[in-house]
Amino acid sequence: MKTLATFLAVAGGGAIGASLRHAVQIAATRAFGYSFPTGTLAVNVAGCFAMGLVVAWFAAREPNPGPLRAFLAVGVLGGFTTFSAFALDAVTLWRDKALAVAALYVCGSVVLSVGGLMAGLAVGRSLW
């Protein structure tokens, strides 16, 4: 039952986070136009800040957070921006003194993600 509750918490939080991301994108486009991805930058920075707050709060107050942490960190913030989870992973590696691994993770994530998108575009264009 606990697994189902956690799954549902993530799903509900993800819907909220994705909806919030969409609202920020609309607002940023209306305010600043399409010349720079302001909305994406805004959700990435805000999501990372919020992830820091959530993780610090749970670390200080809730030793076994269960579905609530899953709802907020994985669901809401994961739906809002997965960049926050990426940043948390990178900072955790850095905090644990795995500096080379953290650097490899950051560089590899950026290069491989952009490369994956380019490969997906190329394959998609060749299929359709």
C-alpha atoms as a PDB file:
ATOM      1  CA  MET A   1       0.000   0.000   0.000  1.00  0.00           C
ATOM      2  CA  LYS A   2       2.860   2.370   0.786  1.00  0.00           C
ATOM      3  CA  THR A   3       4.273   1.872  -2.708  1.00  0.00           C
ATOM      4  CA  LEU A   4       0.914   2.706  -4.276  1.00  0.00           C
ATOM      5  CA  ALA A   5       0.578   5.819  -2.109  1.00  0.00           C
ATOM      6  CA  THR A   6       4.055   6.966  -3.159  1.00  0.00           C
ATOM      7  CA  PHE A   7       3.304   6.274  -6.823  1.00  0.00           C
ATOM      8  CA  LEU A   8       0.082   8.268  -6.635  1.00  0.00           C
ATOM      9  CA  ALA A   9       1.845  11.079  -4.778  1.00  0.00           C
ATOM     10  CA  VAL A  10       4.448  11.314  -7.557  1.00  0.00           C
ATOM     11  CA  ALA A  11       1.782  11.208 -10.268  1.00  0.00           C
ATOM     12  CA  GLY A  12      -0.313  13.936  -8.654  1.00  0.00           C
ATOM     13  CA  GLY A  13       2.709  16.104  -7.953  1.00  0.00           C
ATOM     14  CA  GLY A  14       3.959  15.628 -11.502  1.00  0.00           C
ATOM     15  CA  ALA A  15       0.675  16.903 -12.915  1.00  0.00           C
ATOM     16  CA  ILE A  16       0.892  19.982 -10.720  1.00  0.00           C
ATOM     17  CA  GLY A  17       4.549  20.631 -11.556  1.00  0.00           C
ATOM     18  CA  ALA A  18       4.069  20.207 -15.303  1.00  0.00           C
ATOM     19  CA  SER A  19       1.078  22.547 -15.227  1.00  0.00           C
ATOM     20  CA  LEU A  20       3.094  25.144 -13.328  1.00  0.00           C
ATOM     21  CA  ARG A  21       5.951  24.830 -15.846  1.00  0.00           C
ATOM     22  CA  HIS A  22       3.511  25.393 -18.699  1.00  0.00           C
ATOM     23  CA  ALA A  23       2.092  28.480 -16.963  1.00  0.00           C
ATOM     24  CA  VAL A  24       5.592  29.924 -16.480  1.00  0.00           C
ATOM     25  CA  GLN A  25       6.421  29.264 -20.145  1.00  0.00           C
ATOM     26  CA  ILE A  26       3.285  31.086 -21.289  1.00  0.00           C
ATOM     27  CA  ALA A  27       3.924  34.046 -18.974  1.00  0.00           C
ATOM     28  CA  ALA A  28       7.590  34.319 -19.962  1.00  0.00           C
ATOM     29  CA  THR A  29       6.798  34.168 -23.673  1.00  0.00           C
ATOM     30  CA  ARG A  30       4.176  36.889 -23.309  1.00  0.00           C
ATOM     31  CA  ALA A  31       6.556  39.066 -21.307  1.00  0.00           C
ATOM     32  CA  PHE A  32       9.820  38.485 -23.169  1.00  0.00           C
ATOM     33  CA  GLY A  33       9.006  36.879 -26.535  1.00  0.00           C
ATOM     34  CA  TYR A  34      10.752  33.943 -28.179  1.00  0.00           C
ATOM     35  CA  SER A  35      14.263  35.338 -28.633  1.00  0.00           C
ATOM     36  CA  PHE A  36      15.646  33.724 -25.443  1.00  0.00           C
ATOM     37  CA  PRO A  37      14.347  30.711 -23.472  1.00  0.00           C
ATOM     38  CA  THR A  38      13.468  32.824 -20.429  1.00  0.00           C
ATOM     39  CA  GLY A  39      10.751  30.445 -19.261  1.00  0.00           C
ATOM     40  CA  THR A  40      13.072  27.443 -19.268  1.00  0.00           C
ATOM     41  CA  LEU A  41      15.743  29.383 -17.425  1.00  0.00           C
ATOM     42  CA  ALA A  42      13.189  30.576 -14.879  1.00  0.00           C
ATOM     43  CA  VAL A  43      11.828  27.094 -14.126  1.00  0.00           C
ATOM     44  CA  ASN A  44      15.319  25.621 -13.892  1.00  0.00           C
ATOM     45  CA  VAL A  45      16.548  28.219 -11.412  1.00  0.00           C
ATOM     46  CA  ALA A  46      13.305  28.313  -9.402  1.00  0.00           C
ATOM     47  CA  GLY A  47      13.080  24.511  -9.393  1.00  0.00           C
ATOM     48  CA  CYS A  48      16.653  24.143  -8.154  1.00  0.00           C
ATOM     49  CA  PHE A  49      16.064  26.720  -5.416  1.00  0.00           C
ATOM     50  CA  ALA A  50      12.860  24.945  -4.390  1.00  0.00           C
ATOM     51  CA  MET A  51      14.631  21.554  -4.407  1.00  0.00           C
ATOM     52  CA  GLY A  52      17.241  22.983  -2.040  1.00  0.00           C
ATOM     53  CA  LEU A  53      14.501  24.202   0.303  1.00  0.00           C
ATOM     54  CA  VAL A  54      12.634  20.886   0.205  1.00  0.00           C
ATOM     55  CA  VAL A  55      15.708  18.738   0.793  1.00  0.00           C
ATOM     56  CA  ALA A  56      16.936  20.976   3.624  1.00  0.00           C
ATOM     57  CA  TRP A  57      13.502  20.971   5.257  1.00  0.00           C
ATOM     58  CA  PHE A  58      13.209  17.199   5.145  1.00  0.00           C
ATOM     59  CA  ALA A  59      16.789  16.712   6.340  1.00  0.00           C
ATOM     60  CA  ALA A  60      16.161  18.966   9.342  1.00  0.00           C
ATOM     61  CA  ARG A  61      12.644  17.867  10.288  1.00  0.00           C
ATOM     62  CA  GLU A  62      11.537  14.610   8.744  1.00  0.00           C
ATOM     63  CA  PRO A  63      13.856  11.569   8.926  1.00  0.00           C
ATOM     64  CA  ASN A  64      11.422   9.299   7.038  1.00  0.00           C
ATOM     65  CA  PRO A  65       9.393  11.530   4.712  1.00  0.00           C
ATOM     66  CA  GLY A  66       7.797   8.861   2.486  1.00  0.00           C
ATOM     67  CA  PRO A  67       5.033   9.976   0.139  1.00  0.00           C
ATOM     68  CA  LEU A  68       5.255  13.683   1.049  1.00  0.00           C
ATOM     69  CA  ARG A  69       8.860  13.969  -0.101  1.00  0.00           C
ATOM     70  CA  ALA A  70       8.027  11.931  -3.206  1.00  0.00           C
ATOM     71  CA  PHE A  71       5.098  14.262  -3.910  1.00  0.00           C
ATOM     72  CA  LEU A  72       7.194  17.423  -3.575  1.00  0.00           C
ATOM     73  CA  ALA A  73      10.690  16.468  -4.764  1.00  0.00           C
ATOM     74  CA  VAL A  74       9.961  13.834  -7.406  1.00  0.00           C
ATOM     75  CA  GLY A  75       6.423  14.821  -8.395  1.00  0.00           C
ATOM     76  CA  VAL A  76       5.968  18.590  -8.205  1.00  0.00           C
ATOM     77  CA  LEU A  77       9.593  19.590  -8.766  1.00  0.00           C
ATOM     78  CA  GLY A  78      10.270  16.733 -11.180  1.00  0.00           C
ATOM     79  CA  GLY A  79       7.243  17.804 -13.213  1.00  0.00           C
ATOM     80  CA  PHE A  80       8.277  21.441 -12.949  1.00  0.00           C
ATOM     81  CA  THR A  81      11.880  20.777 -13.984  1.00  0.00           C
ATOM     82  CA  THR A  82      14.059  17.680 -13.941  1.00  0.00           C
ATOM     83  CA  PHE A  83      16.992  20.067 -13.813  1.00  0.00           C
ATOM     84  CA  SER A  84      16.433  20.311 -10.068  1.00  0.00           C
ATOM     85  CA  ALA A  85      17.014  16.565  -9.659  1.00  0.00           C
ATOM     86  CA  PHE A  86      20.118  16.814 -11.855  1.00  0.00           C
ATOM     87  CA  ALA A  87      21.443  19.684  -9.733  1.00  0.00           C
ATOM     88  CA  LEU A  88      20.754  17.773  -6.498  1.00  0.00           C
ATOM     89  CA  ASP A  89      22.649  14.740  -7.826  1.00  0.00           C
ATOM     90  CA  ALA A  90      25.607  16.912  -8.863  1.00  0.00           C
ATOM     91  CA  VAL A  91      25.749  18.735  -5.518  1.00  0.00           C
ATOM     92  CA  THR A  92      25.442  15.458  -3.606  1.00  0.00           C
ATOM     93  CA  LEU A  93      28.427  14.048  -5.493  1.00  0.00           C
ATOM     94  CA  TRP A  94      30.377  17.249  -4.838  1.00  0.00           C
ATOM     95  CA  ARG A  95      29.413  17.253  -1.140  1.00  0.00           C
ATOM     96  CA  ASP A  96      30.576  13.634  -0.880  1.00  0.00           C
ATOM     97  CA  LYS A  97      33.973  14.721  -2.245  1.00  0.00           C
ATOM     98  CA  ALA A  98      33.516  12.830  -5.508  1.00  0.00           C
ATOM     99  CA  LEU A  99      34.623  15.910  -7.457  1.00  0.00           C
ATOM    100  CA  ALA A 100      35.813  14.090 -10.568  1.00  0.00           C
ATOM    101  CA  VAL A 101      32.616  12.044 -10.707  1.00  0.00           C
ATOM    102  CA  ALA A 102      30.531  15.204 -10.191  1.00  0.00           C
ATOM    103  CA  ALA A 103      32.352  16.959 -13.037  1.00  0.00           C
ATOM    104  CA  LEU A 104      31.962  13.927 -15.286  1.00  0.00           C
ATOM    105  CA  TYR A 105      28.269  13.722 -14.416  1.00  0.00           C
ATOM    106  CA  VAL A 106      27.647  17.410 -15.162  1.00  0.00           C
ATOM    107  CA  CYS A 107      29.605  17.469 -18.408  1.00  0.00           C
ATOM    108  CA  GLY A 108      28.336  14.080 -19.513  1.00  0.00           C
ATOM    109  CA  SER A 109      24.739  14.994 -18.769  1.00  0.00           C
ATOM    110  CA  VAL A 110      24.892  18.193 -20.796  1.00  0.00           C
ATOM    111  CA  VAL A 111      26.828  16.762 -23.750  1.00  0.00           C
ATOM    112  CA  LEU A 112      24.915  13.471 -23.903  1.00  0.00           C
ATOM    113  CA  SER A 113      21.519  15.134 -23.444  1.00  0.00           C
ATOM    114  CA  VAL A 114      22.132  17.658 -26.211  1.00  0.00           C
ATOM    115  CA  GLY A 115      23.582  14.884 -28.353  1.00  0.00           C
ATOM    116  CA  GLY A 116      20.568  12.687 -27.623  1.00  0.00           C
ATOM    117  CA  LEU A 117      18.218  15.442 -28.698  1.00  0.00           C
ATOM    118  CA  MET A 118      20.166  15.992 -31.919  1.00  0.00           C
ATOM    119  CA  ALA A 119      20.174  12.244 -32.629  1.00  0.00           C
ATOM    120  CA  GLY A 120      16.435  12.037 -31.942  1.00  0.00           C
ATOM    121  CA  LEU A 121      15.800  14.926 -34.316  1.00  0.00           C
ATOM    122  CA  ALA A 122      17.910  13.289 -37.033  1.00  0.00           C
ATOM    123  CA  VAL A 123      16.207   9.908 -36.656  1.00  0.00           C
ATOM    124  CA  GLY A 124      12.770  11.487 -36.458  1.00  0.00           C
ATOM    125  CA  ARG A 125      13.356  13.569 -39.565  1.00  0.00           C
ATOM    126  CA  SER A 126      14.536  10.515 -41.485  1.00  0.00           C
ATOM    127  CA  LEU A 127      11.416   8.567 -40.463  1.00  0.00           C
ATOM    128  CA  TRP A 128       8.806  11.268 -41.053  1.00  0.00           C
END
